[in-house]
Amino acid sequence: MAEADRIRWQCRRGLLELDLVLARFLDRHLENLSPARLAAFKRLLDYPDNDLWDFATGKVPPPDAESAQVIKLFE
């Protein structure tokens, strides 16, 4: 399985809203992410759905600066 396919699979979440945000992000940005931003995105995917949703909606600040840059691309 290619890395992009693995990442898409990891983006299938339990929250429909999060699925939609992540799918849109992947369609727009996955191919152009720098290695550092891709690594930050993968780290974000390790968080539980509710925590990731809180980052995406701005309820909670992302854990680090690189993750914050990735979260900005969710908009």
PDB file of N, CA and C in Angstrom:
ATOM      1  N   MET A   1       0.850  -1.182   0.000  1.00  0.00           N
ATOM      2  CA  MET A   1       0.000   0.000   0.000  1.00  0.00           C
ATOM      3  C   MET A   1       0.895   1.245   0.000  1.00  0.00           C
ATOM      4  N   ALA A   2       0.627   2.175  -0.855  1.00  0.00           N
ATOM      5  CA  ALA A   2       1.401   3.403  -0.942  1.00  0.00           C
ATOM      6  C   ALA A   2       1.168   4.278   0.292  1.00  0.00           C
ATOM      7  N   GLU A   3       2.138   5.133   0.565  1.00  0.00           N
ATOM      8  CA  GLU A   3       2.020   5.995   1.749  1.00  0.00           C
ATOM      9  C   GLU A   3       0.783   6.883   1.686  1.00  0.00           C
ATOM     10  N   ALA A   4       0.485   7.439   0.526  1.00  0.00           N
ATOM     11  CA  ALA A   4      -0.704   8.294   0.402  1.00  0.00           C
ATOM     12  C   ALA A   4      -1.974   7.507   0.723  1.00  0.00           C
ATOM     13  N   ASP A   5      -2.023   6.257   0.307  1.00  0.00           N
ATOM     14  CA  ASP A   5      -3.192   5.421   0.610  1.00  0.00           C
ATOM     15  C   ASP A   5      -3.290   5.144   2.100  1.00  0.00           C
ATOM     16  N   ARG A   6      -2.148   4.907   2.747  1.00  0.00           N
ATOM     17  CA  ARG A   6      -2.155   4.680   4.204  1.00  0.00           C
ATOM     18  C   ARG A   6      -2.653   5.925   4.929  1.00  0.00           C
ATOM     19  N   ILE A   7      -2.184   7.077   4.489  1.00  0.00           N
ATOM     20  CA  ILE A   7      -2.601   8.324   5.129  1.00  0.00           C
ATOM     21  C   ILE A   7      -4.100   8.534   4.931  1.00  0.00           C
ATOM     22  N   ARG A   8      -4.585   8.302   3.721  1.00  0.00           N
ATOM     23  CA  ARG A   8      -6.040   8.441   3.475  1.00  0.00           C
ATOM     24  C   ARG A   8      -6.825   7.496   4.382  1.00  0.00           C
ATOM     25  N   TRP A   9      -6.331   6.286   4.563  1.00  0.00           N
ATOM     26  CA  TRP A   9      -7.015   5.323   5.424  1.00  0.00           C
ATOM     27  C   TRP A   9      -7.037   5.828   6.869  1.00  0.00           C
ATOM     28  N   GLN A  10      -5.929   6.390   7.331  1.00  0.00           N
ATOM     29  CA  GLN A  10      -5.860   6.919   8.694  1.00  0.00           C
ATOM     30  C   GLN A  10      -6.795   8.105   8.893  1.00  0.00           C
ATOM     31  N   CYS A  11      -7.138   8.787   7.813  1.00  0.00           N
ATOM     32  CA  CYS A  11      -8.015   9.951   7.896  1.00  0.00           C
ATOM     33  C   CYS A  11      -9.486   9.575   7.993  1.00  0.00           C
ATOM     34  N   ARG A  12      -9.794   8.315   7.863  1.00  0.00           N
ATOM     35  CA  ARG A  12     -11.182   7.873   8.049  1.00  0.00           C
ATOM     36  C   ARG A  12     -11.426   7.794   9.543  1.00  0.00           C
ATOM     37  N   ARG A  13     -12.240   8.686  10.036  1.00  0.00           N
ATOM     38  CA  ARG A  13     -12.429   8.812  11.473  1.00  0.00           C
ATOM     39  C   ARG A  13     -13.868   8.516  11.851  1.00  0.00           C
ATOM     40  N   GLY A  14     -14.131   8.573  13.153  1.00  0.00           N
ATOM     41  CA  GLY A  14     -15.471   8.319  13.652  1.00  0.00           C
ATOM     42  C   GLY A  14     -16.390   9.531  13.590  1.00  0.00           C
ATOM     43  N   LEU A  15     -15.826  10.710  13.453  1.00  0.00           N
ATOM     44  CA  LEU A  15     -16.623  11.936  13.374  1.00  0.00           C
ATOM     45  C   LEU A  15     -16.758  12.346  11.910  1.00  0.00           C
ATOM     46  N   LEU A  16     -17.973  12.416  11.431  1.00  0.00           N
ATOM     47  CA  LEU A  16     -18.209  12.783  10.030  1.00  0.00           C
ATOM     48  C   LEU A  16     -17.598  14.140   9.702  1.00  0.00           C
ATOM     49  N   GLU A  17     -17.748  15.099  10.602  1.00  0.00           N
ATOM     50  CA  GLU A  17     -17.215  16.431  10.355  1.00  0.00           C
ATOM     51  C   GLU A  17     -15.702  16.388  10.162  1.00  0.00           C
ATOM     52  N   LEU A  18     -15.042  15.590  10.979  1.00  0.00           N
ATOM     53  CA  LEU A  18     -13.591  15.452  10.876  1.00  0.00           C
ATOM     54  C   LEU A  18     -13.214  14.737   9.581  1.00  0.00           C
ATOM     55  N   ASP A  19     -13.968  13.724   9.206  1.00  0.00           N
ATOM     56  CA  ASP A  19     -13.741  13.052   7.915  1.00  0.00           C
ATOM     57  C   ASP A  19     -13.781  14.055   6.774  1.00  0.00           C
ATOM     58  N   LEU A  20     -14.752  14.931   6.790  1.00  0.00           N
ATOM     59  CA  LEU A  20     -14.903  15.910   5.715  1.00  0.00           C
ATOM     60  C   LEU A  20     -13.744  16.904   5.679  1.00  0.00           C
ATOM     61  N   VAL A  21     -13.347  17.386   6.844  1.00  0.00           N
ATOM     62  CA  VAL A  21     -12.232  18.329   6.922  1.00  0.00           C
ATOM     63  C   VAL A  21     -10.946  17.668   6.436  1.00  0.00           C
ATOM     64  N   LEU A  22     -10.696  16.461   6.888  1.00  0.00           N
ATOM     65  CA  LEU A  22      -9.466  15.772   6.499  1.00  0.00           C
ATOM     66  C   LEU A  22      -9.456  15.414   5.023  1.00  0.00           C
ATOM     67  N   ALA A  23     -10.586  14.984   4.492  1.00  0.00           N
ATOM     68  CA  ALA A  23     -10.659  14.651   3.059  1.00  0.00           C
ATOM     69  C   ALA A  23     -10.378  15.880   2.202  1.00  0.00           C
ATOM     70  N   ARG A  24     -10.962  17.007   2.579  1.00  0.00           N
ATOM     71  CA  ARG A  24     -10.724  18.246   1.840  1.00  0.00           C
ATOM     72  C   ARG A  24      -9.253  18.651   1.939  1.00  0.00           C
ATOM     73  N   PHE A  25      -8.676  18.525   3.125  1.00  0.00           N
ATOM     74  CA  PHE A  25      -7.257  18.842   3.322  1.00  0.00           C
ATOM     75  C   PHE A  25      -6.390  17.962   2.423  1.00  0.00           C
ATOM     76  N   LEU A  26      -6.653  16.679   2.413  1.00  0.00           N
ATOM     77  CA  LEU A  26      -5.854  15.763   1.590  1.00  0.00           C
ATOM     78  C   LEU A  26      -5.955  16.112   0.111  1.00  0.00           C
ATOM     79  N   ASP A  27      -7.157  16.364  -0.349  1.00  0.00           N
ATOM     80  CA  ASP A  27      -7.349  16.693  -1.761  1.00  0.00           C
ATOM     81  C   ASP A  27      -6.596  17.962  -2.158  1.00  0.00           C
ATOM     82  N   ARG A  28      -6.542  18.915  -1.255  1.00  0.00           N
ATOM     83  CA  ARG A  28      -5.921  20.205  -1.564  1.00  0.00           C
ATOM     84  C   ARG A  28      -4.416  20.238  -1.334  1.00  0.00           C
ATOM     85  N   HIS A  29      -3.918  19.500  -0.336  1.00  0.00           N
ATOM     86  CA  HIS A  29      -2.555  19.754   0.135  1.00  0.00           C
ATOM     87  C   HIS A  29      -1.618  18.549   0.219  1.00  0.00           C
ATOM     88  N   LEU A  30      -2.102  17.334   0.205  1.00  0.00           N
ATOM     89  CA  LEU A  30      -1.237  16.192   0.492  1.00  0.00           C
ATOM     90  C   LEU A  30      -0.019  16.138  -0.425  1.00  0.00           C
ATOM     91  N   GLU A  31      -0.200  16.316  -1.700  1.00  0.00           N
ATOM     92  CA  GLU A  31       0.904  16.175  -2.646  1.00  0.00           C
ATOM     93  C   GLU A  31       1.974  17.249  -2.475  1.00  0.00           C
ATOM     94  N   ASN A  32       1.633  18.374  -1.884  1.00  0.00           N
ATOM     95  CA  ASN A  32       2.567  19.494  -1.796  1.00  0.00           C
ATOM     96  C   ASN A  32       3.136  19.732  -0.400  1.00  0.00           C
ATOM     97  N   LEU A  33       2.835  18.851   0.542  1.00  0.00           N
ATOM     98  CA  LEU A  33       3.348  19.049   1.896  1.00  0.00           C
ATOM     99  C   LEU A  33       4.847  18.805   1.947  1.00  0.00           C
ATOM    100  N   SER A  34       5.536  19.665   2.664  1.00  0.00           N
ATOM    101  CA  SER A  34       6.967  19.441   2.901  1.00  0.00           C
ATOM    102  C   SER A  34       7.105  18.224   3.816  1.00  0.00           C
ATOM    103  N   PRO A  35       8.286  17.612   3.858  1.00  0.00           N
ATOM    104  CA  PRO A  35       8.471  16.481   4.774  1.00  0.00           C
ATOM    105  C   PRO A  35       8.161  16.827   6.230  1.00  0.00           C
ATOM    106  N   ALA A  36       8.523  18.036   6.653  1.00  0.00           N
ATOM    107  CA  ALA A  36       8.254  18.437   8.042  1.00  0.00           C
ATOM    108  C   ALA A  36       6.758  18.562   8.301  1.00  0.00           C
ATOM    109  N   ARG A  37       6.042  19.158   7.362  1.00  0.00           N
ATOM    110  CA  ARG A  37       4.587  19.299   7.540  1.00  0.00           C
ATOM    111  C   ARG A  37       3.890  17.955   7.435  1.00  0.00           C
ATOM    112  N   LEU A  38       4.369  17.082   6.568  1.00  0.00           N
ATOM    113  CA  LEU A  38       3.784  15.743   6.472  1.00  0.00           C
ATOM    114  C   LEU A  38       3.985  14.991   7.783  1.00  0.00           C
ATOM    115  N   ALA A  39       5.160  15.107   8.351  1.00  0.00           N
ATOM    116  CA  ALA A  39       5.425  14.462   9.647  1.00  0.00           C
ATOM    117  C   ALA A  39       4.505  15.032  10.721  1.00  0.00           C
ATOM    118  N   ALA A  40       4.305  16.347  10.721  1.00  0.00           N
ATOM    119  CA  ALA A  40       3.407  16.972  11.700  1.00  0.00           C
ATOM    120  C   ALA A  40       1.981  16.485  11.498  1.00  0.00           C
ATOM    121  N   PHE A  41       1.549  16.362  10.250  1.00  0.00           N
ATOM    122  CA  PHE A  41       0.204  15.871   9.968  1.00  0.00           C
ATOM    123  C   PHE A  41       0.037  14.435  10.475  1.00  0.00           C
ATOM    124  N   LYS A  42       1.031  13.605  10.237  1.00  0.00           N
ATOM    125  CA  LYS A  42       0.964  12.220  10.724  1.00  0.00           C
ATOM    126  C   LYS A  42       0.886  12.186  12.243  1.00  0.00           C
ATOM    127  N   ARG A  43       1.624  13.069  12.910  1.00  0.00           N
ATOM    128  CA  ARG A  43       1.539  13.129  14.380  1.00  0.00           C
ATOM    129  C   ARG A  43       0.141  13.527  14.828  1.00  0.00           C
ATOM    130  N   LEU A  44      -0.466  14.466  14.107  1.00  0.00           N
ATOM    131  CA  LEU A  44      -1.831  14.877  14.449  1.00  0.00           C
ATOM    132  C   LEU A  44      -2.800  13.708  14.319  1.00  0.00           C
ATOM    133  N   LEU A  45      -2.584  12.858  13.326  1.00  0.00           N
ATOM    134  CA  LEU A  45      -3.486  11.715  13.123  1.00  0.00           C
ATOM    135  C   LEU A  45      -3.419  10.706  14.260  1.00  0.00           C
ATOM    136  N   ASP A  46      -2.379  10.778  15.084  1.00  0.00           N
ATOM    137  CA  ASP A  46      -2.269   9.879  16.236  1.00  0.00           C
ATOM    138  C   ASP A  46      -3.186  10.286  17.387  1.00  0.00           C
ATOM    139  N   TYR A  47      -3.703  11.518  17.331  1.00  0.00           N
ATOM    140  CA  TYR A  47      -4.589  11.990  18.394  1.00  0.00           C
ATOM    141  C   TYR A  47      -5.983  11.385  18.237  1.00  0.00           C
ATOM    142  N   PRO A  48      -6.689  11.205  19.344  1.00  0.00           N
ATOM    143  CA  PRO A  48      -8.085  10.763  19.267  1.00  0.00           C
ATOM    144  C   PRO A  48      -8.930  11.783  18.501  1.00  0.00           C
ATOM    145  N   ASP A  49     -10.025  11.317  17.954  1.00  0.00           N
ATOM    146  CA  ASP A  49     -10.893  12.159  17.130  1.00  0.00           C
ATOM    147  C   ASP A  49     -11.280  13.467  17.809  1.00  0.00           C
ATOM    148  N   ASN A  50     -11.716  13.389  19.047  1.00  0.00           N
ATOM    149  CA  ASN A  50     -12.192  14.600  19.726  1.00  0.00           C
ATOM    150  C   ASN A  50     -11.069  15.612  19.926  1.00  0.00           C
ATOM    151  N   ASP A  51      -9.869  15.143  20.228  1.00  0.00           N
ATOM    152  CA  ASP A  51      -8.738  16.060  20.381  1.00  0.00           C
ATOM    153  C   ASP A  51      -8.389  16.697  19.039  1.00  0.00           C
ATOM    154  N   LEU A  52      -8.353  15.892  17.987  1.00  0.00           N
ATOM    155  CA  LEU A  52      -8.047  16.410  16.662  1.00  0.00           C
ATOM    156  C   LEU A  52      -9.111  17.408  16.215  1.00  0.00           C
ATOM    157  N   TRP A  53     -10.358  17.128  16.505  1.00  0.00           N
ATOM    158  CA  TRP A  53     -11.436  18.053  16.167  1.00  0.00           C
ATOM    159  C   TRP A  53     -11.275  19.371  16.927  1.00  0.00           C
ATOM    160  N   ASP A  54     -10.881  19.285  18.200  1.00  0.00           N
ATOM    161  CA  ASP A  54     -10.654  20.501  18.987  1.00  0.00           C
ATOM    162  C   ASP A  54      -9.529  21.344  18.386  1.00  0.00           C
ATOM    163  N   PHE A  55      -8.476  20.702  17.887  1.00  0.00           N
ATOM    164  CA  PHE A  55      -7.407  21.442  17.201  1.00  0.00           C
ATOM    165  C   PHE A  55      -7.959  22.088  15.935  1.00  0.00           C
ATOM    166  N   ALA A  56      -8.709  21.314  15.166  1.00  0.00           N
ATOM    167  CA  ALA A  56      -9.217  21.788  13.874  1.00  0.00           C
ATOM    168  C   ALA A  56     -10.180  22.962  14.031  1.00  0.00           C
ATOM    169  N   THR A  57     -10.942  22.965  15.096  1.00  0.00           N
ATOM    170  CA  THR A  57     -11.930  24.025  15.310  1.00  0.00           C
ATOM    171  C   THR A  57     -11.394  25.181  16.144  1.00  0.00           C
ATOM    172  N   GLY A  58     -10.175  25.069  16.618  1.00  0.00           N
ATOM    173  CA  GLY A  58      -9.577  26.152  17.391  1.00  0.00           C
ATOM    174  C   GLY A  58      -9.950  26.166  18.858  1.00  0.00           C
ATOM    175  N   LYS A  59     -10.632  25.137  19.330  1.00  0.00           N
ATOM    176  CA  LYS A  59     -10.989  25.085  20.754  1.00  0.00           C
ATOM    177  C   LYS A  59      -9.743  24.913  21.624  1.00  0.00           C
ATOM    178  N   VAL A  60      -8.786  24.167  21.092  1.00  0.00           N
ATOM    179  CA  VAL A  60      -7.544  23.879  21.811  1.00  0.00           C
ATOM    180  C   VAL A  60      -6.392  24.186  20.854  1.00  0.00           C
ATOM    181  N   PRO A  61      -5.339  24.843  21.326  1.00  0.00           N
ATOM    182  CA  PRO A  61      -4.214  25.103  20.433  1.00  0.00           C
ATOM    183  C   PRO A  61      -3.493  23.802  20.066  1.00  0.00           C
ATOM    184  N   PRO A  62      -2.986  23.717  18.847  1.00  0.00           N
ATOM    185  CA  PRO A  62      -2.224  22.530  18.448  1.00  0.00           C
ATOM    186  C   PRO A  62      -0.995  22.352  19.339  1.00  0.00           C
ATOM    187  N   PRO A  63      -0.460  21.142  19.386  1.00  0.00           N
ATOM    188  CA  PRO A  63       0.613  20.844  20.332  1.00  0.00           C
ATOM    189  C   PRO A  63       1.959  21.502  20.026  1.00  0.00           C
ATOM    190  N   ASP A  64       2.197  21.906  18.778  1.00  0.00           N
ATOM    191  CA  ASP A  64       3.475  22.532  18.439  1.00  0.00           C
ATOM    192  C   ASP A  64       3.288  23.440  17.220  1.00  0.00           C
ATOM    193  N   ALA A  65       4.323  24.206  16.910  1.00  0.00           N
ATOM    194  CA  ALA A  65       4.231  25.200  15.843  1.00  0.00           C
ATOM    195  C   ALA A  65       4.012  24.562  14.469  1.00  0.00           C
ATOM    196  N   GLU A  66       4.682  23.460  14.199  1.00  0.00           N
ATOM    197  CA  GLU A  66       4.525  22.818  12.893  1.00  0.00           C
ATOM    198  C   GLU A  66       3.104  22.271  12.734  1.00  0.00           C
ATOM    199  N   SER A  67       2.559  21.690  13.789  1.00  0.00           N
ATOM    200  CA  SER A  67       1.175  21.213  13.749  1.00  0.00           C
ATOM    201  C   SER A  67       0.209  22.373  13.550  1.00  0.00           C
ATOM    202  N   ALA A  68       0.518  23.495  14.156  1.00  0.00           N
ATOM    203  CA  ALA A  68      -0.333  24.680  13.995  1.00  0.00           C
ATOM    204  C   ALA A  68      -0.367  25.125  12.531  1.00  0.00           C
ATOM    205  N   GLN A  69       0.773  25.043  11.853  1.00  0.00           N
ATOM    206  CA  GLN A  69       0.823  25.400  10.437  1.00  0.00           C
ATOM    207  C   GLN A  69      -0.024  24.450   9.606  1.00  0.00           C
ATOM    208  N   VAL A  70      -0.017  23.178   9.953  1.00  0.00           N
ATOM    209  CA  VAL A  70      -0.834  22.190   9.240  1.00  0.00           C
ATOM    210  C   VAL A  70      -2.309  22.456   9.500  1.00  0.00           C
ATOM    211  N   ILE A  71      -2.656  22.724  10.750  1.00  0.00           N
ATOM    212  CA  ILE A  71      -4.054  22.992  11.107  1.00  0.00           C
ATOM    213  C   ILE A  71      -4.587  24.205  10.334  1.00  0.00           C
ATOM    214  N   LYS A  72      -3.746  25.213  10.127  1.00  0.00           N
ATOM    215  CA  LYS A  72      -4.182  26.382   9.347  1.00  0.00           C
ATOM    216  C   LYS A  72      -4.618  25.986   7.939  1.00  0.00           C
ATOM    217  N   LEU A  73      -4.020  24.940   7.407  1.00  0.00           N
ATOM    218  CA  LEU A  73      -4.377  24.473   6.062  1.00  0.00           C
ATOM    219  C   LEU A  73      -5.715  23.743   6.037  1.00  0.00           C
ATOM    220  N   PHE A  74      -6.257  23.399   7.202  1.00  0.00           N
ATOM    221  CA  PHE A  74      -7.560  22.728   7.266  1.00  0.00           C
ATOM    222  C   PHE A  74      -8.675  23.663   6.828  1.00  0.00           C
ATOM    223  N   GLU A  75      -8.471  24.965   6.914  1.00  0.00           N
ATOM    224  CA  GLU A  75      -9.520  25.940   6.639  1.00  0.00           C
ATOM    225  C   GLU A  75      -9.832  26.020   5.165  1.00  0.00           C
TER     226      GLU A  75
END
